[in-house]
Amino acid sequence: MTLRRVVLLRHGQTDYNVAGRMQGHIDSHLTDEGRAQAVLAAPVLATMPFDRIVSSDLSRAVDTAGIVAEAVGLPVKYDSRLRETNLGDWQGHDVAEVEKDYPGQIADWRSDPRWTPPGGESRVDVVARSLPVVEEIDQELAGEPGEQSLLLVAHGGMIGGLVSGLLALPESVWPIIGGMGNCKWAVIARRADHPRWRLSGYNIGVV
C-alpha cells in the first residue's frame, strides 16, 4: 500500500454560487473572489505535499486546480468522473424555483442518497463513477516505494459523496456529511498497516 492520503478540494466561488443557482454539470466560472480564494489556499496546500493532482474537467475546478498546481509544482490530470452531481432539470435554478416547480423534492434529495432529480443522477450514482478514480490510482501505485499523496479538485456534492464512499459509510448516514465551503477541503488517510480510510479533516480552509 502506497497511497496514504487523499485531499479533496472544492473549487473557488463561482458566478452561480453568488447568484444562488444550482450548477451541476453547467460549466460556470470562477469569480474574482473565487480566484483569490484559490490563491490563498494554494501555498497552504503546497506544504502537504502531493505526488499527483487530478481535477474535474469543469472550468471552475480546472481553474482552481491550475492555481494550486502552480504552487505545488505538479501537472494536472483531468477526469470527467469527478464532475459535480448532474442535477438534470434543476440545473440553473435556485432552490426557491425548484421548490415551486417540484414541491418537497429538495428535501427528498437531501435526505435520500438514492433519490434522483428529474433527468439527473443520485448521490449513489456520483459515488459509483468517482470512487474508481481513487481505486485506479491506488492500484497503479501498489508496490511503488514510499508514501503517495493525491489531491482531487472537484465539487461540494461530489466530495461529500466520495468521502462517504471511501469511508464505506452506510448509505443511511450519507446525509450527515455536511456541505463544503468554496476552496475548502477534506482529508482522508490510512495507516501503513491497515487498508481502511479514515477521516482526518473536513471543510478545512484558510479562512
N, C-alpha and C. Protein backbone atom coordinates (compact mmCIF):
# COMPACT_ATOMS: atom_id res chain seq x y z
N MET A 1 0.85 -1.19 0.00
CA MET A 1 0.00 0.00 0.00
C MET A 1 0.88 1.25 0.00
N THR A 2 0.67 2.15 -0.98
CA THR A 2 1.48 3.37 -1.02
C THR A 2 0.65 4.65 -1.01
N LEU A 3 -0.61 4.59 -1.44
CA LEU A 3 -1.44 5.78 -1.39
C LEU A 3 -1.97 5.94 0.04
N ARG A 4 -1.44 6.94 0.72
CA ARG A 4 -1.72 7.07 2.15
C ARG A 4 -2.65 8.24 2.48
N ARG A 5 -2.77 9.21 1.55
CA ARG A 5 -3.60 10.37 1.86
C ARG A 5 -4.27 10.88 0.59
N VAL A 6 -5.55 11.25 0.72
CA VAL A 6 -6.29 11.89 -0.37
C VAL A 6 -6.90 13.18 0.19
N VAL A 7 -6.61 14.28 -0.48
CA VAL A 7 -7.19 15.57 -0.12
C VAL A 7 -8.17 15.96 -1.23
N LEU A 8 -9.38 16.32 -0.83
CA LEU A 8 -10.45 16.64 -1.79
C LEU A 8 -10.79 18.12 -1.65
N LEU A 9 -10.43 18.90 -2.65
CA LEU A 9 -10.57 20.36 -2.61
C LEU A 9 -11.76 20.80 -3.47
N ARG A 10 -12.63 21.61 -2.89
CA ARG A 10 -13.72 22.18 -3.68
C ARG A 10 -13.20 23.43 -4.41
N HIS A 11 -13.76 23.68 -5.58
CA HIS A 11 -13.39 24.86 -6.36
C HIS A 11 -13.73 26.15 -5.63
N GLY A 12 -13.19 27.26 -6.13
CA GLY A 12 -13.48 28.57 -5.57
C GLY A 12 -14.88 29.06 -5.96
N GLN A 13 -15.23 30.20 -5.42
CA GLN A 13 -16.55 30.79 -5.66
C GLN A 13 -16.79 31.02 -7.15
N THR A 14 -18.03 30.75 -7.58
CA THR A 14 -18.40 30.93 -8.98
C THR A 14 -19.51 31.96 -9.12
N ASP A 15 -19.78 32.36 -10.36
CA ASP A 15 -20.89 33.27 -10.63
C ASP A 15 -22.22 32.64 -10.21
N TYR A 16 -22.36 31.33 -10.37
CA TYR A 16 -23.59 30.66 -9.96
C TYR A 16 -23.70 30.60 -8.44
N ASN A 17 -22.58 30.43 -7.73
CA ASN A 17 -22.62 30.47 -6.27
C ASN A 17 -23.16 31.82 -5.79
N VAL A 18 -22.68 32.90 -6.38
CA VAL A 18 -23.11 34.24 -6.00
C VAL A 18 -24.60 34.43 -6.25
N ALA A 19 -25.08 33.89 -7.37
CA ALA A 19 -26.50 34.02 -7.73
C ALA A 19 -27.39 33.03 -6.99
N GLY A 20 -26.77 32.07 -6.27
CA GLY A 20 -27.55 31.07 -5.55
C GLY A 20 -28.21 30.05 -6.45
N ARG A 21 -27.60 29.78 -7.59
CA ARG A 21 -28.18 28.85 -8.55
C ARG A 21 -27.43 27.52 -8.57
N MET A 22 -28.16 26.46 -8.80
CA MET A 22 -27.58 25.13 -8.83
C MET A 22 -26.77 24.94 -10.11
N GLN A 23 -25.55 24.43 -9.97
CA GLN A 23 -24.66 24.32 -11.10
C GLN A 23 -24.69 22.95 -11.76
N GLY A 24 -24.46 21.90 -10.96
CA GLY A 24 -24.40 20.58 -11.54
C GLY A 24 -23.36 20.51 -12.64
N HIS A 25 -23.76 20.08 -13.83
CA HIS A 25 -22.83 19.97 -14.96
C HIS A 25 -22.72 21.26 -15.77
N ILE A 26 -23.46 22.31 -15.40
CA ILE A 26 -23.30 23.59 -16.08
C ILE A 26 -21.88 24.09 -15.87
N ASP A 27 -21.25 24.59 -16.93
CA ASP A 27 -19.84 24.97 -16.85
C ASP A 27 -19.71 26.43 -16.40
N SER A 28 -20.00 26.67 -15.13
CA SER A 28 -19.89 28.01 -14.56
C SER A 28 -18.43 28.38 -14.36
N HIS A 29 -18.18 29.65 -14.02
CA HIS A 29 -16.80 30.14 -13.96
C HIS A 29 -16.50 30.81 -12.62
N LEU A 30 -15.24 30.81 -12.26
CA LEU A 30 -14.80 31.46 -11.03
C LEU A 30 -15.02 32.96 -11.11
N THR A 31 -15.41 33.54 -9.98
CA THR A 31 -15.41 34.99 -9.85
C THR A 31 -14.01 35.45 -9.45
N ASP A 32 -13.81 36.75 -9.40
CA ASP A 32 -12.53 37.28 -8.90
C ASP A 32 -12.28 36.80 -7.48
N GLU A 33 -13.35 36.74 -6.69
CA GLU A 33 -13.22 36.25 -5.31
C GLU A 33 -12.82 34.78 -5.30
N GLY A 34 -13.40 34.01 -6.23
CA GLY A 34 -13.07 32.60 -6.31
C GLY A 34 -11.60 32.37 -6.64
N ARG A 35 -11.07 33.17 -7.54
CA ARG A 35 -9.64 33.07 -7.86
C ARG A 35 -8.79 33.48 -6.67
N ALA A 36 -9.22 34.51 -5.96
CA ALA A 36 -8.48 34.95 -4.78
C ALA A 36 -8.48 33.87 -3.71
N GLN A 37 -9.59 33.16 -3.56
CA GLN A 37 -9.66 32.05 -2.60
C GLN A 37 -8.65 30.97 -2.96
N ALA A 38 -8.54 30.65 -4.24
CA ALA A 38 -7.60 29.63 -4.68
C ALA A 38 -6.16 30.08 -4.44
N VAL A 39 -5.89 31.35 -4.68
CA VAL A 39 -4.54 31.89 -4.45
C VAL A 39 -4.17 31.79 -2.97
N LEU A 40 -5.13 32.03 -2.08
CA LEU A 40 -4.86 31.92 -0.65
C LEU A 40 -4.65 30.47 -0.22
N ALA A 41 -5.42 29.56 -0.80
CA ALA A 41 -5.34 28.15 -0.41
C ALA A 41 -4.08 27.48 -0.95
N ALA A 42 -3.61 27.93 -2.10
CA ALA A 42 -2.52 27.24 -2.80
C ALA A 42 -1.26 27.05 -1.96
N PRO A 43 -0.71 28.09 -1.33
CA PRO A 43 0.52 27.86 -0.57
C PRO A 43 0.33 26.97 0.65
N VAL A 44 -0.86 26.95 1.21
CA VAL A 44 -1.14 26.07 2.35
C VAL A 44 -1.15 24.61 1.87
N LEU A 45 -1.83 24.37 0.77
CA LEU A 45 -1.87 23.02 0.21
C LEU A 45 -0.49 22.57 -0.25
N ALA A 46 0.32 23.50 -0.72
CA ALA A 46 1.65 23.15 -1.23
C ALA A 46 2.59 22.65 -0.14
N THR A 47 2.25 22.89 1.12
CA THR A 47 3.10 22.42 2.22
C THR A 47 2.85 20.96 2.56
N MET A 48 1.89 20.30 1.93
CA MET A 48 1.48 18.98 2.43
C MET A 48 2.46 17.83 2.20
N PRO A 49 3.10 17.56 1.13
CA PRO A 49 2.93 17.98 -0.27
C PRO A 49 2.12 16.91 -1.00
N PHE A 50 2.09 16.97 -2.34
CA PHE A 50 1.35 16.00 -3.15
C PHE A 50 2.25 15.36 -4.20
N ASP A 51 1.82 14.19 -4.64
CA ASP A 51 2.51 13.48 -5.72
C ASP A 51 1.72 13.53 -7.02
N ARG A 52 0.39 13.68 -6.91
CA ARG A 52 -0.45 13.75 -8.09
C ARG A 52 -1.61 14.71 -7.83
N ILE A 53 -2.06 15.37 -8.92
CA ILE A 53 -3.25 16.22 -8.87
C ILE A 53 -4.18 15.80 -9.99
N VAL A 54 -5.43 15.52 -9.63
CA VAL A 54 -6.45 15.16 -10.61
C VAL A 54 -7.64 16.08 -10.37
N SER A 55 -8.19 16.62 -11.46
CA SER A 55 -9.28 17.59 -11.35
C SER A 55 -10.46 17.19 -12.22
N SER A 56 -11.64 17.60 -11.78
CA SER A 56 -12.81 17.61 -12.66
C SER A 56 -12.48 18.43 -13.89
N ASP A 57 -13.15 18.12 -15.00
CA ASP A 57 -12.89 18.86 -16.23
C ASP A 57 -13.79 20.08 -16.41
N LEU A 58 -14.63 20.40 -15.43
CA LEU A 58 -15.45 21.60 -15.50
C LEU A 58 -14.59 22.82 -15.16
N SER A 59 -14.84 23.94 -15.82
CA SER A 59 -13.95 25.10 -15.76
C SER A 59 -13.65 25.59 -14.35
N ARG A 60 -14.65 25.58 -13.48
CA ARG A 60 -14.45 26.10 -12.14
C ARG A 60 -13.42 25.27 -11.37
N ALA A 61 -13.41 23.97 -11.63
CA ALA A 61 -12.41 23.11 -10.98
C ALA A 61 -11.07 23.20 -11.71
N VAL A 62 -11.11 23.24 -13.03
CA VAL A 62 -9.88 23.34 -13.82
C VAL A 62 -9.08 24.59 -13.43
N ASP A 63 -9.76 25.72 -13.31
CA ASP A 63 -9.07 26.97 -12.99
C ASP A 63 -8.54 26.97 -11.55
N THR A 64 -9.32 26.39 -10.64
CA THR A 64 -8.85 26.27 -9.26
C THR A 64 -7.63 25.35 -9.19
N ALA A 65 -7.70 24.23 -9.87
CA ALA A 65 -6.59 23.28 -9.88
C ALA A 65 -5.33 23.90 -10.48
N GLY A 66 -5.50 24.71 -11.52
CA GLY A 66 -4.34 25.34 -12.15
C GLY A 66 -3.59 26.25 -11.21
N ILE A 67 -4.33 27.02 -10.41
CA ILE A 67 -3.70 27.92 -9.44
C ILE A 67 -2.95 27.13 -8.38
N VAL A 68 -3.58 26.08 -7.87
CA VAL A 68 -2.94 25.26 -6.84
C VAL A 68 -1.75 24.50 -7.40
N ALA A 69 -1.90 23.96 -8.59
CA ALA A 69 -0.83 23.17 -9.21
C ALA A 69 0.42 23.99 -9.43
N GLU A 70 0.25 25.27 -9.75
CA GLU A 70 1.42 26.13 -9.95
C GLU A 70 2.21 26.25 -8.65
N ALA A 71 1.51 26.34 -7.52
CA ALA A 71 2.20 26.43 -6.22
C ALA A 71 2.82 25.10 -5.83
N VAL A 72 2.13 24.01 -6.16
CA VAL A 72 2.62 22.68 -5.80
C VAL A 72 3.76 22.24 -6.71
N GLY A 73 3.71 22.68 -7.96
CA GLY A 73 4.74 22.30 -8.92
C GLY A 73 4.49 20.97 -9.60
N LEU A 74 3.20 20.66 -9.83
CA LEU A 74 2.83 19.41 -10.49
C LEU A 74 1.86 19.68 -11.64
N PRO A 75 1.85 18.82 -12.64
CA PRO A 75 0.83 18.93 -13.69
C PRO A 75 -0.51 18.44 -13.17
N VAL A 76 -1.58 18.78 -13.90
CA VAL A 76 -2.93 18.36 -13.53
C VAL A 76 -3.46 17.41 -14.58
N LYS A 77 -4.04 16.31 -14.12
CA LYS A 77 -4.76 15.39 -14.99
C LYS A 77 -6.26 15.66 -14.80
N TYR A 78 -7.02 15.62 -15.89
CA TYR A 78 -8.45 15.93 -15.82
C TYR A 78 -9.27 14.67 -16.02
N ASP A 79 -10.33 14.55 -15.24
CA ASP A 79 -11.16 13.34 -15.30
C ASP A 79 -12.62 13.75 -15.13
N SER A 80 -13.43 13.48 -16.13
CA SER A 80 -14.84 13.87 -16.10
C SER A 80 -15.63 13.14 -15.01
N ARG A 81 -15.09 12.05 -14.50
CA ARG A 81 -15.78 11.31 -13.44
C ARG A 81 -15.81 12.09 -12.13
N LEU A 82 -15.03 13.16 -12.04
CA LEU A 82 -15.02 13.99 -10.84
C LEU A 82 -15.98 15.18 -10.94
N ARG A 83 -16.81 15.19 -11.97
CA ARG A 83 -17.78 16.27 -12.11
C ARG A 83 -18.79 16.27 -10.96
N GLU A 84 -19.40 17.43 -10.77
CA GLU A 84 -20.46 17.56 -9.77
C GLU A 84 -21.65 16.68 -10.17
N THR A 85 -22.55 16.46 -9.23
CA THR A 85 -23.79 15.74 -9.49
C THR A 85 -24.55 16.38 -10.65
N ASN A 86 -24.99 15.57 -11.58
CA ASN A 86 -25.86 16.07 -12.65
C ASN A 86 -27.24 16.28 -12.04
N LEU A 87 -27.67 17.53 -11.97
CA LEU A 87 -28.95 17.85 -11.34
C LEU A 87 -30.10 17.95 -12.33
N GLY A 88 -29.84 17.54 -13.57
CA GLY A 88 -30.91 17.44 -14.54
C GLY A 88 -31.70 18.72 -14.72
N ASP A 89 -33.02 18.62 -14.57
CA ASP A 89 -33.91 19.76 -14.82
C ASP A 89 -33.74 20.88 -13.81
N TRP A 90 -33.07 20.61 -12.70
CA TRP A 90 -32.88 21.64 -11.68
C TRP A 90 -31.71 22.58 -11.99
N GLN A 91 -30.84 22.19 -12.87
CA GLN A 91 -29.63 22.97 -13.12
C GLN A 91 -29.99 24.37 -13.64
N GLY A 92 -29.31 25.36 -13.09
CA GLY A 92 -29.55 26.74 -13.47
C GLY A 92 -30.61 27.43 -12.65
N HIS A 93 -31.31 26.70 -11.80
CA HIS A 93 -32.38 27.27 -10.98
C HIS A 93 -31.94 27.40 -9.52
N ASP A 94 -32.58 28.31 -8.80
CA ASP A 94 -32.30 28.39 -7.38
C ASP A 94 -33.27 27.49 -6.61
N VAL A 95 -33.02 27.35 -5.30
CA VAL A 95 -33.82 26.41 -4.50
C VAL A 95 -35.29 26.81 -4.48
N ALA A 96 -35.56 28.10 -4.41
CA ALA A 96 -36.96 28.54 -4.38
C ALA A 96 -37.69 28.17 -5.65
N GLU A 97 -37.03 28.30 -6.79
CA GLU A 97 -37.64 27.93 -8.06
C GLU A 97 -37.91 26.43 -8.14
N VAL A 98 -36.94 25.64 -7.66
CA VAL A 98 -37.12 24.19 -7.68
C VAL A 98 -38.26 23.79 -6.75
N GLU A 99 -38.30 24.40 -5.58
CA GLU A 99 -39.35 24.08 -4.62
C GLU A 99 -40.73 24.42 -5.17
N LYS A 100 -40.81 25.49 -5.93
CA LYS A 100 -42.09 25.89 -6.53
C LYS A 100 -42.54 24.88 -7.59
N ASP A 101 -41.60 24.46 -8.43
CA ASP A 101 -41.95 23.56 -9.54
C ASP A 101 -41.99 22.09 -9.12
N TYR A 102 -41.20 21.74 -8.09
CA TYR A 102 -41.11 20.35 -7.63
C TYR A 102 -41.27 20.32 -6.10
N PRO A 103 -42.45 20.61 -5.59
CA PRO A 103 -42.65 20.73 -4.14
C PRO A 103 -42.18 19.51 -3.36
N GLY A 104 -41.37 19.75 -2.35
CA GLY A 104 -40.92 18.69 -1.46
C GLY A 104 -39.76 17.86 -1.96
N GLN A 105 -39.38 18.05 -3.23
CA GLN A 105 -38.36 17.17 -3.78
C GLN A 105 -36.95 17.54 -3.33
N ILE A 106 -36.71 18.80 -3.01
CA ILE A 106 -35.40 19.18 -2.48
C ILE A 106 -35.13 18.42 -1.18
N ALA A 107 -36.13 18.34 -0.31
CA ALA A 107 -35.98 17.61 0.95
C ALA A 107 -35.74 16.13 0.70
N ASP A 108 -36.44 15.57 -0.27
CA ASP A 108 -36.23 14.15 -0.61
C ASP A 108 -34.80 13.92 -1.08
N TRP A 109 -34.33 14.78 -1.93
CA TRP A 109 -32.98 14.67 -2.48
C TRP A 109 -31.91 14.78 -1.39
N ARG A 110 -32.11 15.69 -0.47
CA ARG A 110 -31.12 15.90 0.58
C ARG A 110 -31.09 14.76 1.60
N SER A 111 -32.20 14.05 1.74
CA SER A 111 -32.29 13.02 2.79
C SER A 111 -32.06 11.61 2.29
N ASP A 112 -32.11 11.40 0.97
CA ASP A 112 -32.02 10.05 0.42
C ASP A 112 -30.96 10.00 -0.68
N PRO A 113 -29.81 9.34 -0.44
CA PRO A 113 -28.74 9.28 -1.44
C PRO A 113 -29.14 8.62 -2.75
N ARG A 114 -30.23 7.85 -2.74
CA ARG A 114 -30.68 7.19 -3.97
C ARG A 114 -31.74 7.99 -4.72
N TRP A 115 -32.20 9.08 -4.13
CA TRP A 115 -33.21 9.90 -4.79
C TRP A 115 -32.56 10.68 -5.93
N THR A 116 -33.21 10.69 -7.09
CA THR A 116 -32.63 11.27 -8.29
C THR A 116 -33.43 12.46 -8.79
N PRO A 117 -32.82 13.64 -8.94
CA PRO A 117 -33.53 14.77 -9.53
C PRO A 117 -33.99 14.44 -10.95
N PRO A 118 -35.08 15.02 -11.40
CA PRO A 118 -35.58 14.71 -12.74
C PRO A 118 -34.52 14.95 -13.82
N GLY A 119 -34.20 13.88 -14.55
CA GLY A 119 -33.21 14.00 -15.60
C GLY A 119 -31.78 14.01 -15.13
N GLY A 120 -31.55 13.79 -13.82
CA GLY A 120 -30.21 13.86 -13.27
C GLY A 120 -29.69 12.54 -12.75
N GLU A 121 -28.88 12.60 -11.71
CA GLU A 121 -28.31 11.40 -11.11
C GLU A 121 -28.34 11.53 -9.59
N SER A 122 -28.35 10.40 -8.91
CA SER A 122 -28.37 10.37 -7.45
C SER A 122 -26.95 10.47 -6.90
N ARG A 123 -26.85 10.66 -5.60
CA ARG A 123 -25.52 10.68 -4.98
C ARG A 123 -24.86 9.31 -5.07
N VAL A 124 -25.66 8.25 -5.02
CA VAL A 124 -25.12 6.90 -5.20
C VAL A 124 -24.49 6.79 -6.59
N ASP A 125 -25.15 7.36 -7.59
CA ASP A 125 -24.58 7.35 -8.95
C ASP A 125 -23.25 8.08 -8.99
N VAL A 126 -23.18 9.22 -8.31
CA VAL A 126 -21.96 10.03 -8.30
C VAL A 126 -20.80 9.25 -7.68
N VAL A 127 -21.08 8.57 -6.58
CA VAL A 127 -20.03 7.78 -5.92
C VAL A 127 -19.59 6.62 -6.81
N ALA A 128 -20.54 6.01 -7.48
CA ALA A 128 -20.21 4.87 -8.35
C ALA A 128 -19.26 5.28 -9.47
N ARG A 129 -19.38 6.51 -9.97
CA ARG A 129 -18.50 6.93 -11.06
C ARG A 129 -17.19 7.55 -10.57
N SER A 130 -17.19 8.11 -9.37
CA SER A 130 -15.99 8.81 -8.89
C SER A 130 -15.06 7.92 -8.06
N LEU A 131 -15.61 6.95 -7.34
CA LEU A 131 -14.79 6.09 -6.49
C LEU A 131 -13.69 5.37 -7.29
N PRO A 132 -13.97 4.89 -8.51
CA PRO A 132 -12.90 4.22 -9.26
C PRO A 132 -11.70 5.12 -9.58
N VAL A 133 -11.88 6.43 -9.58
CA VAL A 133 -10.73 7.33 -9.82
C VAL A 133 -9.66 7.07 -8.78
N VAL A 134 -10.07 7.02 -7.51
CA VAL A 134 -9.12 6.77 -6.43
C VAL A 134 -8.64 5.32 -6.45
N GLU A 135 -9.55 4.40 -6.68
CA GLU A 135 -9.19 2.98 -6.68
C GLU A 135 -8.17 2.67 -7.78
N GLU A 136 -8.34 3.27 -8.95
CA GLU A 136 -7.40 3.00 -10.05
C GLU A 136 -6.01 3.56 -9.74
N ILE A 137 -5.96 4.76 -9.16
CA ILE A 137 -4.67 5.33 -8.81
C ILE A 137 -4.02 4.51 -7.70
N ASP A 138 -4.82 4.08 -6.74
CA ASP A 138 -4.30 3.25 -5.65
C ASP A 138 -3.69 1.96 -6.20
N GLN A 139 -4.39 1.33 -7.14
CA GLN A 139 -3.89 0.08 -7.74
C GLN A 139 -2.63 0.35 -8.56
N GLU A 140 -2.61 1.45 -9.27
CA GLU A 140 -1.45 1.80 -10.09
C GLU A 140 -0.20 2.00 -9.25
N LEU A 141 -0.40 2.53 -8.05
CA LEU A 141 0.74 2.82 -7.18
C LEU A 141 1.16 1.64 -6.32
N ALA A 142 0.35 0.59 -6.31
CA ALA A 142 0.66 -0.57 -5.46
C ALA A 142 2.05 -1.09 -5.77
N GLY A 143 2.83 -1.27 -4.72
CA GLY A 143 4.18 -1.78 -4.88
C GLY A 143 5.23 -0.72 -5.10
N GLU A 144 4.80 0.53 -5.35
CA GLU A 144 5.77 1.61 -5.52
C GLU A 144 6.38 1.96 -4.16
N PRO A 145 7.65 2.35 -4.13
CA PRO A 145 8.27 2.71 -2.85
C PRO A 145 7.74 4.05 -2.33
N GLY A 146 7.79 4.21 -1.03
CA GLY A 146 7.39 5.48 -0.42
C GLY A 146 5.89 5.60 -0.24
N GLU A 147 5.49 6.74 0.30
CA GLU A 147 4.08 7.02 0.56
C GLU A 147 3.62 8.11 -0.39
N GLN A 148 2.46 7.91 -1.00
CA GLN A 148 1.95 8.82 -2.01
C GLN A 148 0.75 9.61 -1.47
N SER A 149 0.61 10.84 -1.97
CA SER A 149 -0.49 11.71 -1.57
C SER A 149 -1.15 12.27 -2.82
N LEU A 150 -2.49 12.24 -2.83
CA LEU A 150 -3.27 12.61 -4.01
C LEU A 150 -4.15 13.81 -3.69
N LEU A 151 -4.17 14.79 -4.59
CA LEU A 151 -5.07 15.93 -4.48
C LEU A 151 -6.13 15.83 -5.57
N LEU A 152 -7.40 15.81 -5.18
CA LEU A 152 -8.52 15.84 -6.11
C LEU A 152 -9.19 17.20 -6.01
N VAL A 153 -9.40 17.85 -7.14
CA VAL A 153 -10.06 19.16 -7.18
C VAL A 153 -11.42 18.96 -7.84
N ALA A 154 -12.47 19.24 -7.09
CA ALA A 154 -13.79 18.87 -7.59
C ALA A 154 -14.87 19.79 -7.03
N HIS A 155 -15.97 19.22 -6.59
CA HIS A 155 -17.20 19.96 -6.29
C HIS A 155 -17.80 19.49 -4.97
N GLY A 156 -18.55 20.39 -4.32
CA GLY A 156 -19.03 20.11 -2.98
C GLY A 156 -19.85 18.85 -2.83
N GLY A 157 -20.87 18.67 -3.69
CA GLY A 157 -21.72 17.49 -3.60
C GLY A 157 -20.96 16.21 -3.90
N MET A 158 -20.10 16.29 -4.91
CA MET A 158 -19.32 15.11 -5.26
C MET A 158 -18.35 14.74 -4.15
N ILE A 159 -17.74 15.75 -3.53
CA ILE A 159 -16.79 15.48 -2.45
C ILE A 159 -17.49 14.81 -1.27
N GLY A 160 -18.66 15.32 -0.89
CA GLY A 160 -19.40 14.69 0.20
C GLY A 160 -19.72 13.24 -0.08
N GLY A 161 -20.12 12.96 -1.32
CA GLY A 161 -20.41 11.58 -1.69
C GLY A 161 -19.18 10.71 -1.73
N LEU A 162 -18.10 11.22 -2.32
CA LEU A 162 -16.89 10.41 -2.45
C LEU A 162 -16.27 10.13 -1.08
N VAL A 163 -16.30 11.10 -0.18
CA VAL A 163 -15.82 10.85 1.18
C VAL A 163 -16.64 9.73 1.82
N SER A 164 -17.95 9.78 1.66
CA SER A 164 -18.82 8.73 2.21
C SER A 164 -18.46 7.37 1.62
N GLY A 165 -18.21 7.34 0.31
CA GLY A 165 -17.87 6.10 -0.35
C GLY A 165 -16.52 5.55 0.08
N LEU A 166 -15.53 6.42 0.17
CA LEU A 166 -14.19 5.98 0.57
C LEU A 166 -14.17 5.47 2.00
N LEU A 167 -14.99 6.07 2.85
CA LEU A 167 -15.05 5.64 4.25
C LEU A 167 -15.96 4.42 4.43
N ALA A 168 -16.59 3.99 3.33
CA ALA A 168 -17.50 2.84 3.36
C ALA A 168 -18.62 3.05 4.38
N LEU A 169 -19.16 4.27 4.45
CA LEU A 169 -20.26 4.55 5.35
C LEU A 169 -21.56 3.96 4.80
N PRO A 170 -22.45 3.50 5.66
CA PRO A 170 -23.76 3.04 5.19
C PRO A 170 -24.50 4.20 4.51
N GLU A 171 -25.22 3.91 3.46
CA GLU A 171 -25.93 4.97 2.74
C GLU A 171 -26.87 5.77 3.65
N SER A 172 -27.39 5.13 4.67
CA SER A 172 -28.35 5.80 5.56
C SER A 172 -27.74 6.99 6.29
N VAL A 173 -26.41 7.02 6.43
CA VAL A 173 -25.78 8.13 7.15
C VAL A 173 -25.10 9.12 6.21
N TRP A 174 -25.13 8.88 4.92
CA TRP A 174 -24.51 9.83 3.99
C TRP A 174 -25.02 11.26 4.16
N PRO A 175 -26.33 11.47 4.40
CA PRO A 175 -26.82 12.84 4.51
C PRO A 175 -26.22 13.64 5.67
N ILE A 176 -25.57 12.99 6.64
CA ILE A 176 -24.98 13.75 7.75
C ILE A 176 -23.65 14.38 7.36
N ILE A 177 -23.08 13.98 6.22
CA ILE A 177 -21.86 14.62 5.75
C ILE A 177 -22.23 15.99 5.21
N GLY A 178 -21.73 17.03 5.84
CA GLY A 178 -22.17 18.39 5.54
C GLY A 178 -21.60 18.95 4.25
N GLY A 179 -21.98 20.20 3.98
CA GLY A 179 -21.52 20.89 2.79
C GLY A 179 -20.06 21.29 2.90
N MET A 180 -19.52 21.72 1.78
CA MET A 180 -18.11 22.12 1.70
C MET A 180 -18.05 23.55 1.20
N GLY A 181 -17.36 24.43 1.93
CA GLY A 181 -17.22 25.81 1.50
C GLY A 181 -16.31 25.92 0.28
N ASN A 182 -16.41 27.04 -0.41
CA ASN A 182 -15.55 27.27 -1.56
C ASN A 182 -14.08 27.27 -1.17
N CYS A 183 -13.28 26.52 -1.90
CA CYS A 183 -11.84 26.37 -1.66
C CYS A 183 -11.54 25.82 -0.26
N LYS A 184 -12.46 25.04 0.27
CA LYS A 184 -12.22 24.27 1.49
C LYS A 184 -11.94 22.82 1.07
N TRP A 185 -11.40 22.03 1.99
CA TRP A 185 -11.04 20.68 1.61
C TRP A 185 -11.28 19.67 2.73
N ALA A 186 -11.33 18.41 2.31
CA ALA A 186 -11.43 17.28 3.23
C ALA A 186 -10.15 16.45 3.09
N VAL A 187 -9.79 15.75 4.16
CA VAL A 187 -8.60 14.90 4.16
C VAL A 187 -8.99 13.52 4.66
N ILE A 188 -8.67 12.50 3.87
CA ILE A 188 -8.79 11.14 4.35
C ILE A 188 -7.41 10.49 4.28
N ALA A 189 -7.13 9.61 5.21
CA ALA A 189 -5.81 8.99 5.28
C ALA A 189 -5.94 7.58 5.84
N ARG A 190 -4.86 6.82 5.69
CA ARG A 190 -4.86 5.48 6.27
C ARG A 190 -3.45 5.13 6.73
N ARG A 191 -3.39 4.22 7.67
CA ARG A 191 -2.11 3.77 8.21
C ARG A 191 -1.46 2.78 7.27
N ALA A 192 -0.17 2.65 7.41
CA ALA A 192 0.57 1.72 6.56
C ALA A 192 0.17 0.27 6.81
N ASP A 193 -0.31 -0.03 8.03
CA ASP A 193 -0.62 -1.41 8.37
C ASP A 193 -2.12 -1.73 8.32
N HIS A 194 -2.92 -0.80 7.74
CA HIS A 194 -4.36 -1.06 7.69
C HIS A 194 -4.95 -0.37 6.46
N PRO A 195 -5.72 -1.09 5.64
CA PRO A 195 -6.20 -0.52 4.38
C PRO A 195 -7.39 0.42 4.50
N ARG A 196 -8.01 0.53 5.67
CA ARG A 196 -9.24 1.31 5.79
C ARG A 196 -8.94 2.80 5.82
N TRP A 197 -9.69 3.56 5.02
CA TRP A 197 -9.57 5.01 5.04
C TRP A 197 -10.25 5.58 6.28
N ARG A 198 -9.66 6.65 6.83
CA ARG A 198 -10.22 7.33 7.98
C ARG A 198 -10.29 8.82 7.69
N LEU A 199 -11.31 9.48 8.22
CA LEU A 199 -11.47 10.91 8.01
C LEU A 199 -10.55 11.68 8.96
N SER A 200 -9.65 12.48 8.38
CA SER A 200 -8.71 13.27 9.19
C SER A 200 -9.16 14.71 9.34
N GLY A 201 -9.97 15.20 8.41
CA GLY A 201 -10.44 16.58 8.49
C GLY A 201 -11.50 16.86 7.43
N TYR A 202 -12.38 17.82 7.70
CA TYR A 202 -13.45 18.12 6.76
C TYR A 202 -13.76 19.60 6.80
N ASN A 203 -13.98 20.18 5.61
CA ASN A 203 -14.29 21.61 5.48
C ASN A 203 -13.18 22.48 6.07
N ILE A 204 -11.94 22.09 5.77
CA ILE A 204 -10.77 22.82 6.24
C ILE A 204 -10.47 23.94 5.25
N GLY A 205 -10.01 25.07 5.75
CA GLY A 205 -9.67 26.16 4.84
C GLY A 205 -8.80 27.21 5.48
N VAL A 206 -8.43 28.18 4.68
CA VAL A 206 -7.56 29.25 5.14
C VAL A 206 -8.31 30.24 5.99
N VAL A 207 -9.55 30.55 5.59
CA VAL A 207 -10.37 31.50 6.36
C VAL A 207 -11.73 30.87 6.65
